[in-house]
Structures are given as C-alpha cells and as structure tokens.
Amino acid sequence: METTELIKKVRKIEIKTRGLSSQIFSGEYHSAFKGSGMAFSEVREYVPGDPIRAIDWNVTARFNKPYVKIFEEERELTVMLLVDVSGSREFGTKKQLKEDLITEICAVLAFSAIQNNDKVGIIFFSDKIEKFIPPKKGRSHILRIIRELLDFRPENKKTNLEEGLRYFTNVIKKRSTAFILSDFIDTGFEDALKIANKKHDIVALRIYDQREQEIPEIGMIQFKDAETGEMRWINTSSKKVQKSFRATALQHEAKLKDIFTKSGVDYTRIATHESYIKPLMTLFKKRESRR
C-alpha cells in the first residue's frame, strides 16, 4: 500500500475508533477489565478493627506502635491482541472483509486500553508466528499497530491457533488480558487455550461471515479454500447441499461454544455485515456483572 494512502487509512480508522473508545467503550472497558492484583500503597497507624495480618511488623517495631499496610488494586493492565492473519481473513461477502473488521476492533480495543493507561501489544499468527510487537503505551504505538494491521501481508496462508497460543504463553510473562481475533476454523487448540487461560485472561472474538453459515441459491459455483488453495465445484441450488452446509456450520459453532465454556474463556461472535458495538458492549457488561 502506498505510504500516503496508508497514512490516510490509519487516520480515518483512528478518528472513528478513538471516538468510539472515548464515547462508548472506555467506561465499560474500565469496569470489565480490572488490574491483575493488589499493589502496596502506603502504611498508616493501626485502628481497632484492622485485620492483624495487615500489620507491618518492621514499621511497628521502628515506631513502637502498630502500623498496617494499605493496598490498592493494580489498575495497569497488559493487553495483548492475538490476530489470525491466515488466508480465510480475506473472506467477506456483505459489508466488509474479515480483515477490515478485525482492524477496526483491534483499534477500538487498543484506544480503550491506552485511555485506561494500559500497555498494548500484538501477535500476528498464521500457522507460524508472523510478527510480534511487544506491549507499550502511547498513541504513536497504537498508530504503529494500526499501520501493521492495514499493511501486513503474512508469509503463510494456513492457521495454527495452538502455535499462536503457545508462543503467547511463553513470550508474555506477566498476567495479561488477551483478545484472540480469529474465525476459529482451526482444530486441536483446546489444550493450548486452557493453559493460556490459566496464566492469562483470554477473550475470544470469533469473526465470521454470513456466507460461512449458509449459501445462496446461485447454481453451480467454484469455491476456493483460502487457506489450502483447493478448488471445487458446488451446486448451491441443491437442498441437500444447503442443508449439509448449514448443519456443518451449526455443528462447528456448537463445538466452539463448548470449547470456550470448558476452557473458562469469555467469547462473542461478530459478523462482517453487522456492527461490532453491540456484541462488544454485551461482552463487557457480562464481565462487569460477574465482578
């Protein structure tokens, strides 16, 4: 992509998503994603009713009267975006491609995070780790992430969610909140997801297109698998084909829901032809209500 065109696109996405972050998402984000624990703040004199375990014995011995430690919740988070950049992200039949939707959602989450004083990093993965940008703060860092999302071209087309999750678990040592943005067409990632979610707080955002759920009646058409390159003819007017296609999609959806539930992972589905605001807000409110 030409540099001038890229700068314009980055700016356009920044204006839209930064506005959404400050006007709609920032409060919900703040409530839904809290810090990772309690951090020591200060000491004060003991008053009746304070728990004995809170006494700071070193300070107490120094001043010959009891003092207690005061803790505050750690507000700063590390937010990681795990983005599936395999071939299937280039699919889209209605308003936009999956990759366009993923870029906007990542930008909204990133701006929400920096407004909350959080660090943001990103991992691009296909069936290998394509690129890792370590977590940092600041607008210029977020703009770099948006530029990469717009202009990045992966070396490989296939998907390996397990590889992406394993790399993330190994490279990010401190507990973080991680958003996985993928169509989750891959299989065999369940164990890696469970391991990652024990160490971190994982949120799965399944990005899909309506035509992956059902196909229109338009006769014989040739399909190309975006990840394998395989070509095949399908009679879309066949009721049997349509029924089978729909049943397979529903079966896959049910399996994914089961995987996320068993792994303790929050998730939502976001379609390319719909606004992502409602699914994200619903997810944030659901998390907030559990706290």
Protein backbone atom coordinates (compact mmCIF):
# COMPACT_ATOMS: atom_id res chain seq x y z
CA MET A 1 0.00 0.00 0.00
CA GLU A 2 1.28 3.48 -0.90
CA THR A 3 2.57 5.47 2.09
CA THR A 4 0.18 8.41 1.55
CA GLU A 5 -2.82 6.10 1.16
CA LEU A 6 -1.77 4.14 4.26
CA ILE A 7 -1.46 7.32 6.37
CA LYS A 8 -4.96 8.39 5.24
CA LYS A 9 -6.41 4.99 6.17
CA VAL A 10 -4.67 4.99 9.56
CA ARG A 11 -6.01 8.48 10.27
CA LYS A 12 -9.55 7.52 9.22
CA ILE A 13 -9.54 4.47 11.50
CA GLU A 14 -8.06 6.50 14.36
CA ILE A 15 -10.80 9.16 14.13
CA LYS A 16 -13.58 6.57 14.10
CA THR A 17 -12.28 4.11 16.68
CA ARG A 18 -10.81 6.67 19.07
CA GLY A 19 -14.19 8.39 19.16
CA LEU A 20 -15.97 5.10 19.84
CA SER A 21 -13.46 4.28 22.58
CA SER A 22 -13.91 7.56 24.44
CA GLN A 23 -17.67 7.93 23.94
CA ILE A 24 -18.89 4.33 24.24
CA PHE A 25 -16.33 1.77 25.30
CA SER A 26 -13.93 3.36 27.81
CA GLY A 27 -16.22 3.15 30.86
CA GLU A 28 -17.35 -0.39 30.12
CA TYR A 29 -13.79 -1.47 29.33
CA HIS A 30 -12.54 0.03 32.60
CA SER A 31 -15.14 -1.92 34.59
CA ALA A 32 -14.84 -5.18 32.64
CA PHE A 33 -11.04 -5.47 32.67
CA LYS A 34 -9.52 -4.76 36.04
CA GLY A 35 -5.91 -4.93 37.17
CA SER A 36 -4.17 -8.17 37.94
CA GLY A 37 -3.96 -7.88 41.71
CA MET A 38 -3.27 -5.66 44.72
CA ALA A 39 -0.24 -3.40 44.98
CA PHE A 40 1.27 -1.92 48.16
CA SER A 41 0.38 1.75 48.52
CA GLU A 42 1.35 3.06 52.00
CA VAL A 43 1.28 2.40 55.75
CA ARG A 44 -0.89 4.05 58.38
CA GLU A 45 -1.42 3.68 62.11
CA TYR A 46 -3.44 0.69 63.25
CA VAL A 47 -7.04 1.36 64.29
CA PRO A 48 -9.32 -1.11 66.11
CA GLY A 49 -10.97 -3.40 63.59
CA ASP A 50 -8.00 -3.59 61.18
CA PRO A 51 -7.02 -7.21 60.38
CA ILE A 52 -3.97 -8.43 62.31
CA ARG A 53 -2.48 -9.89 59.12
CA ALA A 54 -2.25 -6.35 57.67
CA ILE A 55 0.21 -5.19 60.35
CA ASP A 56 3.63 -4.17 59.03
CA TRP A 57 5.85 -5.58 61.78
CA ASN A 58 9.02 -3.82 60.61
CA VAL A 59 7.43 -0.35 60.75
CA THR A 60 5.65 -1.26 64.00
CA ALA A 61 8.99 -2.20 65.63
CA ARG A 62 10.63 1.02 64.39
CA PHE A 63 7.97 3.37 65.82
CA ASN A 64 6.91 1.27 68.83
CA LYS A 65 3.25 1.40 67.81
CA PRO A 66 1.26 -0.74 65.36
CA TYR A 67 1.08 0.21 61.66
CA VAL A 68 -0.82 -1.55 58.88
CA LYS A 69 -0.12 -1.88 55.16
CA ILE A 70 -2.60 -0.32 52.74
CA PHE A 71 -3.06 -1.96 49.35
CA GLU A 72 -4.70 -0.63 46.22
CA GLU A 73 -5.86 -2.51 43.18
CA GLU A 74 -3.32 -2.51 40.37
CA ARG A 75 -5.02 -0.65 37.55
CA GLU A 76 -2.40 -1.05 34.86
CA LEU A 77 -3.00 -3.97 32.53
CA THR A 78 -1.07 -5.53 29.72
CA VAL A 79 -3.44 -6.07 26.80
CA MET A 80 -2.43 -8.44 24.01
CA LEU A 81 -4.11 -8.75 20.62
CA LEU A 82 -3.66 -12.18 19.01
CA VAL A 83 -4.63 -11.74 15.37
CA ASP A 84 -5.22 -14.59 12.93
CA VAL A 85 -3.75 -13.46 9.61
CA SER A 86 -4.36 -16.70 7.68
CA GLY A 87 -5.94 -16.72 4.23
CA SER A 88 -9.53 -17.02 5.46
CA ARG A 89 -9.42 -13.49 6.90
CA GLU A 90 -9.64 -12.19 3.32
CA PHE A 91 -13.19 -13.55 3.01
CA GLY A 92 -16.24 -11.29 3.11
CA THR A 93 -19.45 -11.10 1.09
CA LYS A 94 -21.53 -8.30 2.61
CA LYS A 95 -20.27 -5.01 4.05
CA GLN A 96 -16.58 -5.78 4.55
CA LEU A 97 -13.82 -8.37 4.70
CA LYS A 98 -12.96 -10.10 7.96
CA GLU A 99 -9.56 -8.39 7.98
CA ASP A 100 -11.18 -4.93 7.81
CA LEU A 101 -13.46 -5.78 10.74
CA ILE A 102 -10.53 -7.19 12.74
CA THR A 103 -8.52 -3.99 12.14
CA GLU A 104 -11.32 -1.77 13.47
CA ILE A 105 -11.97 -3.94 16.52
CA CYS A 106 -8.26 -4.06 17.36
CA ALA A 107 -8.08 -0.26 17.07
CA VAL A 108 -11.11 0.22 19.36
CA LEU A 109 -9.65 -2.16 21.97
CA ALA A 110 -6.22 -0.54 21.72
CA PHE A 111 -7.53 3.01 22.18
CA SER A 112 -9.77 1.84 25.06
CA ALA A 113 -6.68 0.27 26.65
CA ILE A 114 -4.44 3.36 26.42
CA GLN A 115 -7.24 5.56 27.77
CA ASN A 116 -7.12 3.20 30.75
CA ASN A 117 -3.31 3.62 30.97
CA ASP A 118 -2.73 0.03 29.83
CA LYS A 119 0.04 -1.34 27.63
CA VAL A 120 -0.90 -2.92 24.30
CA GLY A 121 0.96 -5.49 22.23
CA ILE A 122 0.09 -7.65 19.23
CA ILE A 123 0.94 -11.06 17.81
CA PHE A 124 0.19 -11.83 14.15
CA PHE A 125 -0.06 -15.57 13.52
CA SER A 126 -0.91 -17.92 10.64
CA ASP A 127 0.39 -21.48 11.03
CA LYS A 128 3.52 -19.79 12.41
CA ILE A 129 4.29 -16.60 14.30
CA GLU A 130 4.38 -13.91 11.62
CA LYS A 131 5.17 -10.87 13.80
CA PHE A 132 5.31 -9.83 17.47
CA ILE A 133 5.11 -6.20 18.63
CA PRO A 134 5.80 -6.04 22.41
CA PRO A 135 3.36 -4.20 24.68
CA LYS A 136 3.86 -0.46 25.11
CA LYS A 137 1.79 2.63 25.91
CA GLY A 138 1.02 5.71 23.87
CA ARG A 139 -0.79 6.93 20.77
CA SER A 140 2.21 6.56 18.44
CA HIS A 141 2.49 2.90 19.43
CA ILE A 142 -1.21 2.31 18.72
CA LEU A 143 -0.88 4.02 15.33
CA ARG A 144 2.02 1.68 14.52
CA ILE A 145 -0.21 -1.32 15.37
CA ILE A 146 -2.99 0.05 13.12
CA ARG A 147 -0.50 0.57 10.27
CA GLU A 148 0.65 -3.04 10.62
CA LEU A 149 -2.94 -4.30 10.67
CA LEU A 150 -3.68 -2.42 7.45
CA ASP A 151 -0.49 -3.20 5.56
CA PHE A 152 0.77 -6.53 6.93
CA ARG A 153 1.00 -9.42 4.48
CA PRO A 154 1.68 -12.82 6.04
CA GLU A 155 4.12 -15.33 4.59
CA ASN A 156 1.75 -18.28 5.12
CA LYS A 157 -1.96 -18.80 4.44
CA LYS A 158 -2.82 -21.63 6.83
CA THR A 159 -3.87 -21.40 10.51
CA ASN A 160 -2.42 -22.87 13.68
CA LEU A 161 -4.15 -21.44 16.75
CA GLU A 162 -2.21 -23.76 19.01
CA GLU A 163 1.10 -22.28 17.80
CA GLY A 164 -0.16 -18.73 18.37
CA LEU A 165 -1.37 -19.51 21.88
CA ARG A 166 1.80 -21.40 22.83
CA TYR A 167 4.03 -18.53 21.68
CA PHE A 168 1.89 -16.00 23.55
CA THR A 169 2.06 -18.05 26.80
CA ASN A 170 5.83 -18.27 26.54
CA VAL A 171 6.65 -14.69 25.49
CA ILE A 172 4.32 -12.73 27.83
CA LYS A 173 5.43 -13.47 31.39
CA LYS A 174 3.20 -11.08 33.33
CA ARG A 175 -0.51 -11.88 33.56
CA SER A 176 -2.37 -10.05 30.80
CA THR A 177 -5.75 -9.74 29.12
CA ALA A 178 -5.59 -11.22 25.64
CA PHE A 179 -8.11 -10.86 22.83
CA ILE A 180 -7.94 -13.57 20.16
CA LEU A 181 -9.43 -12.36 16.87
CA SER A 182 -10.00 -15.29 14.53
CA ASP A 183 -12.68 -17.20 12.65
CA PHE A 184 -11.59 -20.25 14.70
CA ILE A 185 -11.80 -22.58 11.71
CA ASP A 186 -8.78 -24.46 13.09
CA THR A 187 -8.95 -27.50 15.40
CA GLY A 188 -6.72 -29.03 18.08
CA PHE A 189 -6.09 -25.83 20.05
CA GLU A 190 -8.12 -26.75 23.16
CA ASP A 191 -5.21 -27.69 25.46
CA ALA A 192 -3.16 -24.63 24.48
CA LEU A 193 -6.23 -22.43 25.16
CA LYS A 194 -6.74 -23.92 28.64
CA ILE A 195 -3.06 -23.47 29.53
CA ALA A 196 -3.05 -19.86 28.27
CA ASN A 197 -6.23 -19.01 30.19
CA LYS A 198 -4.79 -20.32 33.47
CA LYS A 199 -1.92 -17.87 33.19
CA HIS A 200 -3.79 -15.02 31.47
CA ASP A 201 -7.33 -13.70 30.98
CA ILE A 202 -8.36 -14.81 27.48
CA VAL A 203 -11.25 -13.33 25.50
CA ALA A 204 -12.19 -14.96 22.17
CA LEU A 205 -13.71 -12.80 19.43
CA ARG A 206 -14.98 -15.04 16.64
CA ILE A 207 -15.11 -13.09 13.39
CA TYR A 208 -17.33 -14.70 10.76
CA ASP A 209 -19.18 -14.02 7.53
CA GLN A 210 -22.84 -14.86 6.98
CA ARG A 211 -21.97 -16.90 3.88
CA GLU A 212 -19.95 -19.25 6.09
CA GLN A 213 -23.23 -20.16 7.80
CA GLU A 214 -25.45 -20.52 4.72
CA ILE A 215 -25.03 -20.27 0.94
CA PRO A 216 -27.39 -18.57 -1.55
CA GLU A 217 -29.07 -20.49 -4.38
CA ILE A 218 -26.99 -19.40 -7.36
CA GLY A 219 -26.40 -22.73 -9.12
CA MET A 220 -23.01 -24.33 -9.77
CA ILE A 221 -20.14 -22.23 -8.44
CA GLN A 222 -16.46 -22.89 -7.90
CA PHE A 223 -15.15 -22.50 -4.36
CA LYS A 224 -11.52 -21.88 -3.48
CA ASP A 225 -10.30 -22.70 0.01
CA ALA A 226 -8.48 -19.52 1.12
CA GLU A 227 -6.01 -21.46 3.27
CA THR A 228 -5.25 -24.56 1.15
CA GLY A 229 -5.90 -23.14 -2.34
CA GLU A 230 -8.02 -26.21 -3.20
CA MET A 231 -10.71 -25.62 -5.87
CA ARG A 232 -14.03 -27.48 -6.03
CA TRP A 233 -17.43 -27.13 -7.69
CA ILE A 234 -20.59 -26.95 -5.55
CA ASN A 235 -24.23 -26.98 -6.63
CA THR A 236 -25.64 -24.27 -4.36
CA SER A 237 -29.21 -24.88 -5.60
CA SER A 238 -29.23 -28.39 -4.14
CA LYS A 239 -31.36 -28.57 -0.97
CA LYS A 240 -29.16 -31.40 0.24
CA VAL A 241 -26.00 -29.30 -0.20
CA GLN A 242 -27.59 -26.32 1.56
CA LYS A 243 -28.82 -28.45 4.45
CA SER A 244 -25.44 -30.16 4.83
CA PHE A 245 -23.60 -26.81 4.67
CA ARG A 246 -25.84 -25.31 7.36
CA ALA A 247 -25.62 -28.41 9.59
CA THR A 248 -21.81 -28.41 9.40
CA ALA A 249 -21.70 -24.71 10.31
CA LEU A 250 -24.03 -25.19 13.30
CA GLN A 251 -22.06 -28.21 14.46
CA HIS A 252 -18.81 -26.23 14.33
CA GLU A 253 -20.41 -23.32 16.20
CA ALA A 254 -21.67 -25.65 18.96
CA LYS A 255 -18.23 -27.26 19.26
CA LEU A 256 -16.54 -23.86 19.61
CA LYS A 257 -19.02 -22.77 22.28
CA ASP A 258 -18.28 -25.98 24.19
CA ILE A 259 -14.50 -25.45 23.91
CA PHE A 260 -14.72 -21.85 25.20
CA THR A 261 -17.06 -22.81 28.05
CA LYS A 262 -14.89 -25.71 29.22
CA SER A 263 -11.76 -23.54 29.00
CA GLY A 264 -13.41 -20.74 31.04
CA VAL A 265 -12.92 -18.29 28.17
CA ASP A 266 -15.33 -15.40 27.52
CA TYR A 267 -16.29 -15.12 23.88
CA THR A 268 -18.61 -13.45 21.42
CA ARG A 269 -19.43 -13.76 17.71
CA ILE A 270 -19.11 -10.73 15.42
CA ALA A 271 -20.33 -10.87 11.80
CA THR A 272 -18.88 -8.87 8.92
CA HIS A 273 -22.32 -7.46 7.98
CA GLU A 274 -23.19 -6.23 11.49
CA SER A 275 -21.95 -3.53 13.86
CA TYR A 276 -19.39 -4.77 16.39
CA ILE A 277 -20.55 -2.26 19.03
CA LYS A 278 -23.42 -4.33 20.45
CA PRO A 279 -21.53 -7.68 20.73
CA LEU A 280 -18.56 -5.98 22.43
CA MET A 281 -20.75 -3.97 24.82
CA THR A 282 -22.74 -7.10 25.73
CA LEU A 283 -19.48 -8.96 26.42
CA PHE A 284 -18.11 -6.12 28.57
CA LYS A 285 -21.34 -5.84 30.58
CA LYS A 286 -21.41 -9.61 31.13
CA ARG A 287 -17.89 -9.50 32.55
CA GLU A 288 -18.67 -6.45 34.66
CA SER A 289 -21.74 -8.15 36.21
CA ARG A 290 -19.58 -11.07 37.40
CA ARG A 291 -17.19 -8.84 39.36
